[in-house]
Amino acid sequence: MAHPHKDYDPNGPVKRLREICLALPETIEKEAWGECTFRVGGKMFAMTDNNHHGDGRVAVWCKAPPMVQEILVGSDSTRFFRPPYVGHKGWLGVRLDVEVDWDELAAILEDGWIMSAPKRLAVTRRGASSKTDSAAVGDREKARGVQAKIESAPRARAVRKSGKRVAAHGSRRMK
């Protein structure tokens, strides 16, 4: 079944989303499944969700680094969610029909863009001098950022207090 084109409020949150996404180098917008998708190097890093299958929300689905989905959904499920179809791959849903922290969303989108972009672009965006250096710097920065979010996440604090350890996928293991 063909998906019908989705119309958006021309002055609504999707307008600002477009501005953020299209400001990233070599990003193109392409309609797919009746929704706006944003791609770099032929790979999708973000997709709008305008009442997709009647779920009643306006959002964006973003490619995200490991653990980010779990951390953000666990810390604020009114703004973040696990999107259908791609959520099991770590993508993050960010609602646009609630109060949006646009700087935070821009950073999330940039992370997804870096994960999807050809290396020549991703290296430039990270600002490192060589591919090897940028990969190492990016991995260290990502690990530090994820670890900081894990440590500050409400679930992580509760788990530490309970004395249980959490595996990467979220299942609990005893000491």
C-alpha atoms as a PDB file:
ATOM      1  CA  MET A   1       0.000   0.000   0.000  1.00  0.00           C
ATOM      2  CA  ALA A   2       1.335   3.434  -0.933  1.00  0.00           C
ATOM      3  CA  HIS A   3       1.746   5.879   1.911  1.00  0.00           C
ATOM      4  CA  PRO A   4       0.036   9.227   1.312  1.00  0.00           C
ATOM      5  CA  HIS A   5       2.055  12.437   1.395  1.00  0.00           C
ATOM      6  CA  LYS A   6       1.947  14.122   4.818  1.00  0.00           C
ATOM      7  CA  ASP A   7       1.231  17.833   4.936  1.00  0.00           C
ATOM      8  CA  TYR A   8       2.901  19.852   7.678  1.00  0.00           C
ATOM      9  CA  ASP A   9       2.176  23.213   9.219  1.00  0.00           C
ATOM     10  CA  PRO A  10       4.551  25.420   7.165  1.00  0.00           C
ATOM     11  CA  ASN A  11       5.512  27.343  10.313  1.00  0.00           C
ATOM     12  CA  GLY A  12       5.466  24.361  12.677  1.00  0.00           C
ATOM     13  CA  PRO A  13       8.315  22.383  14.223  1.00  0.00           C
ATOM     14  CA  VAL A  14       9.115  20.475  11.020  1.00  0.00           C
ATOM     15  CA  LYS A  15      10.232  23.773   9.460  1.00  0.00           C
ATOM     16  CA  ARG A  16      12.863  24.205  12.165  1.00  0.00           C
ATOM     17  CA  LEU A  17      13.810  20.523  11.944  1.00  0.00           C
ATOM     18  CA  ARG A  18      14.413  20.950   8.207  1.00  0.00           C
ATOM     19  CA  GLU A  19      16.626  23.981   8.841  1.00  0.00           C
ATOM     20  CA  ILE A  20      18.765  22.027  11.318  1.00  0.00           C
ATOM     21  CA  CYS A  21      19.083  18.939   9.129  1.00  0.00           C
ATOM     22  CA  LEU A  22      19.718  20.753   5.866  1.00  0.00           C
ATOM     23  CA  ALA A  23      22.439  22.877   7.517  1.00  0.00           C
ATOM     24  CA  LEU A  24      24.520  19.702   7.895  1.00  0.00           C
ATOM     25  CA  PRO A  25      26.906  19.248   4.944  1.00  0.00           C
ATOM     26  CA  GLU A  26      25.641  17.376   1.879  1.00  0.00           C
ATOM     27  CA  THR A  27      22.294  16.553   3.508  1.00  0.00           C
ATOM     28  CA  ILE A  28      19.342  16.029   1.214  1.00  0.00           C
ATOM     29  CA  GLU A  29      15.660  15.704   1.987  1.00  0.00           C
ATOM     30  CA  LYS A  30      13.759  12.892   0.296  1.00  0.00           C
ATOM     31  CA  GLU A  31      10.162  11.863   0.780  1.00  0.00           C
ATOM     32  CA  ALA A  32       9.665   8.213   1.684  1.00  0.00           C
ATOM     33  CA  TRP A  33       6.663   6.430   3.203  1.00  0.00           C
ATOM     34  CA  GLY A  34       4.794   9.745   3.036  1.00  0.00           C
ATOM     35  CA  GLU A  35       7.290  11.334   5.450  1.00  0.00           C
ATOM     36  CA  CYS A  36      10.330  13.610   5.123  1.00  0.00           C
ATOM     37  CA  THR A  37      13.625  11.768   5.425  1.00  0.00           C
ATOM     38  CA  PHE A  38      17.056  13.350   5.726  1.00  0.00           C
ATOM     39  CA  ARG A  39      20.064  11.617   4.202  1.00  0.00           C
ATOM     40  CA  VAL A  40      23.773  12.042   3.739  1.00  0.00           C
ATOM     41  CA  GLY A  41      25.801   9.930   1.333  1.00  0.00           C
ATOM     42  CA  GLY A  42      22.638   8.006   0.488  1.00  0.00           C
ATOM     43  CA  LYS A  43      22.104   6.919   4.119  1.00  0.00           C
ATOM     44  CA  MET A  44      19.163   8.082   6.186  1.00  0.00           C
ATOM     45  CA  PHE A  45      19.886   9.652   9.579  1.00  0.00           C
ATOM     46  CA  ALA A  46      16.486  11.193  10.405  1.00  0.00           C
ATOM     47  CA  MET A  47      12.827  10.795   9.469  1.00  0.00           C
ATOM     48  CA  THR A  48       9.737  12.748  10.434  1.00  0.00           C
ATOM     49  CA  ASP A  49       6.779  11.078  12.111  1.00  0.00           C
ATOM     50  CA  ASN A  50       3.608  13.069  11.401  1.00  0.00           C
ATOM     51  CA  ASN A  51       0.870  11.020  13.038  1.00  0.00           C
ATOM     52  CA  HIS A  52       2.404   7.920  11.448  1.00  0.00           C
ATOM     53  CA  HIS A  53      -0.241   5.163  11.392  1.00  0.00           C
ATOM     54  CA  GLY A  54      -2.501   7.344  13.548  1.00  0.00           C
ATOM     55  CA  ASP A  55      -0.284   7.364  16.660  1.00  0.00           C
ATOM     56  CA  GLY A  56      -1.179  11.020  17.304  1.00  0.00           C
ATOM     57  CA  ARG A  57       2.306  12.472  17.605  1.00  0.00           C
ATOM     58  CA  VAL A  58       4.590  14.712  15.579  1.00  0.00           C
ATOM     59  CA  ALA A  59       8.194  13.627  16.038  1.00  0.00           C
ATOM     60  CA  VAL A  60      11.495  12.853  14.391  1.00  0.00           C
ATOM     61  CA  TRP A  61      13.238   9.486  14.428  1.00  0.00           C
ATOM     62  CA  CYS A  62      17.045   9.845  14.587  1.00  0.00           C
ATOM     63  CA  LYS A  63      19.917   7.446  14.218  1.00  0.00           C
ATOM     64  CA  ALA A  64      21.677   7.456  17.600  1.00  0.00           C
ATOM     65  CA  PRO A  65      24.907   6.152  19.133  1.00  0.00           C
ATOM     66  CA  PRO A  66      24.765   3.030  21.325  1.00  0.00           C
ATOM     67  CA  MET A  67      22.915   3.417  24.640  1.00  0.00           C
ATOM     68  CA  VAL A  68      21.598   6.918  23.868  1.00  0.00           C
ATOM     69  CA  GLN A  69      18.071   5.649  23.164  1.00  0.00           C
ATOM     70  CA  GLU A  70      17.912   3.726  26.441  1.00  0.00           C
ATOM     71  CA  ILE A  71      19.342   6.612  28.455  1.00  0.00           C
ATOM     72  CA  LEU A  72      17.110   9.349  27.030  1.00  0.00           C
ATOM     73  CA  VAL A  73      13.891   7.317  26.938  1.00  0.00           C
ATOM     74  CA  GLY A  74      14.581   6.216  30.522  1.00  0.00           C
ATOM     75  CA  SER A  75      15.212   9.768  31.674  1.00  0.00           C
ATOM     76  CA  ASP A  76      12.306  11.530  29.901  1.00  0.00           C
ATOM     77  CA  SER A  77       9.692   9.336  28.223  1.00  0.00           C
ATOM     78  CA  THR A  78       7.431  12.314  27.513  1.00  0.00           C
ATOM     79  CA  ARG A  79       9.955  13.724  25.018  1.00  0.00           C
ATOM     80  CA  PHE A  80      11.796  10.591  23.874  1.00  0.00           C
ATOM     81  CA  PHE A  81      10.565   7.184  22.704  1.00  0.00           C
ATOM     82  CA  ARG A  82      11.632   4.021  20.923  1.00  0.00           C
ATOM     83  CA  PRO A  83      10.297   4.388  17.381  1.00  0.00           C
ATOM     84  CA  PRO A  84       8.673   1.509  15.520  1.00  0.00           C
ATOM     85  CA  TYR A  85      10.581  -0.235  12.706  1.00  0.00           C
ATOM     86  CA  VAL A  86      14.002   1.225  13.613  1.00  0.00           C
ATOM     87  CA  GLY A  87      13.924   1.416  17.415  1.00  0.00           C
ATOM     88  CA  HIS A  88      15.412  -2.047  17.761  1.00  0.00           C
ATOM     89  CA  LYS A  89      18.469  -0.719  15.882  1.00  0.00           C
ATOM     90  CA  GLY A  90      19.011   2.023  18.473  1.00  0.00           C
ATOM     91  CA  TRP A  91      17.210   4.867  16.706  1.00  0.00           C
ATOM     92  CA  LEU A  92      15.671   7.485  18.973  1.00  0.00           C
ATOM     93  CA  GLY A  93      12.268   9.133  18.665  1.00  0.00           C
ATOM     94  CA  VAL A  94      12.098  12.793  19.711  1.00  0.00           C
ATOM     95  CA  ARG A  95       8.692  14.420  20.043  1.00  0.00           C
ATOM     96  CA  LEU A  96       8.179  17.746  18.319  1.00  0.00           C
ATOM     97  CA  ASP A  97       4.652  18.288  19.675  1.00  0.00           C
ATOM     98  CA  VAL A  98       5.880  18.966  23.213  1.00  0.00           C
ATOM     99  CA  GLU A  99       8.425  21.522  24.430  1.00  0.00           C
ATOM    100  CA  VAL A 100      11.542  20.963  22.305  1.00  0.00           C
ATOM    101  CA  ASP A 101      15.105  21.705  23.383  1.00  0.00           C
ATOM    102  CA  TRP A 102      16.314  22.649  19.899  1.00  0.00           C
ATOM    103  CA  ASP A 103      20.000  22.725  20.848  1.00  0.00           C
ATOM    104  CA  GLU A 104      19.747  19.216  22.266  1.00  0.00           C
ATOM    105  CA  LEU A 105      17.861  18.009  19.190  1.00  0.00           C
ATOM    106  CA  ALA A 106      20.491  19.585  16.912  1.00  0.00           C
ATOM    107  CA  ALA A 107      23.217  17.659  18.782  1.00  0.00           C
ATOM    108  CA  ILE A 108      21.233  14.395  18.506  1.00  0.00           C
ATOM    109  CA  LEU A 109      20.730  14.968  14.785  1.00  0.00           C
ATOM    110  CA  GLU A 110      24.409  15.766  14.312  1.00  0.00           C
ATOM    111  CA  ASP A 111      25.373  12.501  16.043  1.00  0.00           C
ATOM    112  CA  GLY A 112      23.089  10.607  13.652  1.00  0.00           C
ATOM    113  CA  TRP A 113      24.529  12.529  10.712  1.00  0.00           C
ATOM    114  CA  ILE A 114      28.104  11.646  11.763  1.00  0.00           C
ATOM    115  CA  MET A 115      27.148   7.960  12.062  1.00  0.00           C
ATOM    116  CA  SER A 116      25.687   8.009   8.525  1.00  0.00           C
ATOM    117  CA  ALA A 117      28.048  10.370   6.715  1.00  0.00           C
ATOM    118  CA  PRO A 118      30.916   9.192   4.535  1.00  0.00           C
ATOM    119  CA  LYS A 119      34.150   9.199   6.537  1.00  0.00           C
ATOM    120  CA  ARG A 120      35.554  12.182   4.618  1.00  0.00           C
ATOM    121  CA  LEU A 121      32.631  14.289   5.892  1.00  0.00           C
ATOM    122  CA  ALA A 122      32.425  12.823   9.386  1.00  0.00           C
ATOM    123  CA  VAL A 123      36.123  13.483   9.972  1.00  0.00           C
ATOM    124  CA  THR A 124      35.693  17.099   8.932  1.00  0.00           C
ATOM    125  CA  ARG A 125      32.666  17.528  11.177  1.00  0.00           C
ATOM    126  CA  ARG A 126      34.460  16.089  14.198  1.00  0.00           C
ATOM    127  CA  GLY A 127      37.227  18.604  13.588  1.00  0.00           C
ATOM    128  CA  ALA A 128      40.109  16.129  13.958  1.00  0.00           C
ATOM    129  CA  SER A 129      43.263  16.281  11.859  1.00  0.00           C
ATOM    130  CA  SER A 130      43.367  12.701  10.558  1.00  0.00           C
ATOM    131  CA  LYS A 131      41.029   9.752  10.138  1.00  0.00           C
ATOM    132  CA  THR A 132      42.780   7.723  12.828  1.00  0.00           C
ATOM    133  CA  ASP A 133      42.891  10.613  15.260  1.00  0.00           C
ATOM    134  CA  SER A 134      39.277  11.561  14.603  1.00  0.00           C
ATOM    135  CA  ALA A 135      38.020   8.024  15.115  1.00  0.00           C
ATOM    136  CA  ALA A 136      39.919   7.716  18.385  1.00  0.00           C
ATOM    137  CA  VAL A 137      38.858  11.182  19.557  1.00  0.00           C
ATOM    138  CA  GLY A 138      35.257  10.571  18.520  1.00  0.00           C
ATOM    139  CA  ASP A 139      35.138   7.201  20.261  1.00  0.00           C
ATOM    140  CA  ARG A 140      36.646   8.635  23.450  1.00  0.00           C
ATOM    141  CA  GLU A 141      34.261  11.614  23.421  1.00  0.00           C
ATOM    142  CA  LYS A 142      31.294   9.353  22.744  1.00  0.00           C
ATOM    143  CA  ALA A 143      32.329   6.968  25.541  1.00  0.00           C
ATOM    144  CA  ARG A 144      32.796   9.839  28.007  1.00  0.00           C
ATOM    145  CA  GLY A 145      29.450  11.380  27.044  1.00  0.00           C
ATOM    146  CA  VAL A 146      27.587   8.086  27.244  1.00  0.00           C
ATOM    147  CA  GLN A 147      29.245   7.191  30.546  1.00  0.00           C
ATOM    148  CA  ALA A 148      28.322  10.594  32.006  1.00  0.00           C
ATOM    149  CA  LYS A 149      24.716  10.157  30.883  1.00  0.00           C
ATOM    150  CA  ILE A 150      24.629   6.609  32.252  1.00  0.00           C
ATOM    151  CA  GLU A 151      25.964   7.776  35.604  1.00  0.00           C
ATOM    152  CA  SER A 152      23.446  10.607  35.816  1.00  0.00           C
ATOM    153  CA  ALA A 153      20.426   8.699  34.493  1.00  0.00           C
ATOM    154  CA  PRO A 154      17.747   8.059  37.143  1.00  0.00           C
ATOM    155  CA  ARG A 155      17.667   4.334  36.374  1.00  0.00           C
ATOM    156  CA  ALA A 156      21.449   4.020  36.703  1.00  0.00           C
ATOM    157  CA  ARG A 157      21.371   5.767  40.098  1.00  0.00           C
ATOM    158  CA  ALA A 158      18.544   3.522  41.273  1.00  0.00           C
ATOM    159  CA  VAL A 159      20.344   0.411  40.068  1.00  0.00           C
ATOM    160  CA  ARG A 160      23.596   1.468  41.797  1.00  0.00           C
ATOM    161  CA  LYS A 161      21.694   2.009  45.031  1.00  0.00           C
ATOM    162  CA  SER A 162      20.054  -1.401  44.748  1.00  0.00           C
ATOM    163  CA  GLY A 163      23.442  -3.090  44.285  1.00  0.00           C
ATOM    164  CA  LYS A 164      22.514  -4.696  40.957  1.00  0.00           C
ATOM    165  CA  ARG A 165      24.482  -4.414  37.724  1.00  0.00           C
ATOM    166  CA  VAL A 166      22.871  -3.657  34.373  1.00  0.00           C
ATOM    167  CA  ALA A 167      23.954  -5.326  31.141  1.00  0.00           C
ATOM    168  CA  ALA A 168      24.289  -3.210  27.993  1.00  0.00           C
ATOM    169  CA  HIS A 169      20.854  -4.252  26.748  1.00  0.00           C
ATOM    170  CA  GLY A 170      19.208  -3.348  30.045  1.00  0.00           C
ATOM    171  CA  SER A 171      18.629  -6.754  31.623  1.00  0.00           C
ATOM    172  CA  ARG A 172      19.691  -6.987  35.246  1.00  0.00           C
ATOM    173  CA  ARG A 173      22.398  -9.266  36.529  1.00  0.00           C
ATOM    174  CA  MET A 174      23.224  -9.855  40.159  1.00  0.00           C
ATOM    175  CA  LYS A 175      26.699  -9.111  41.545  1.00  0.00           C
END
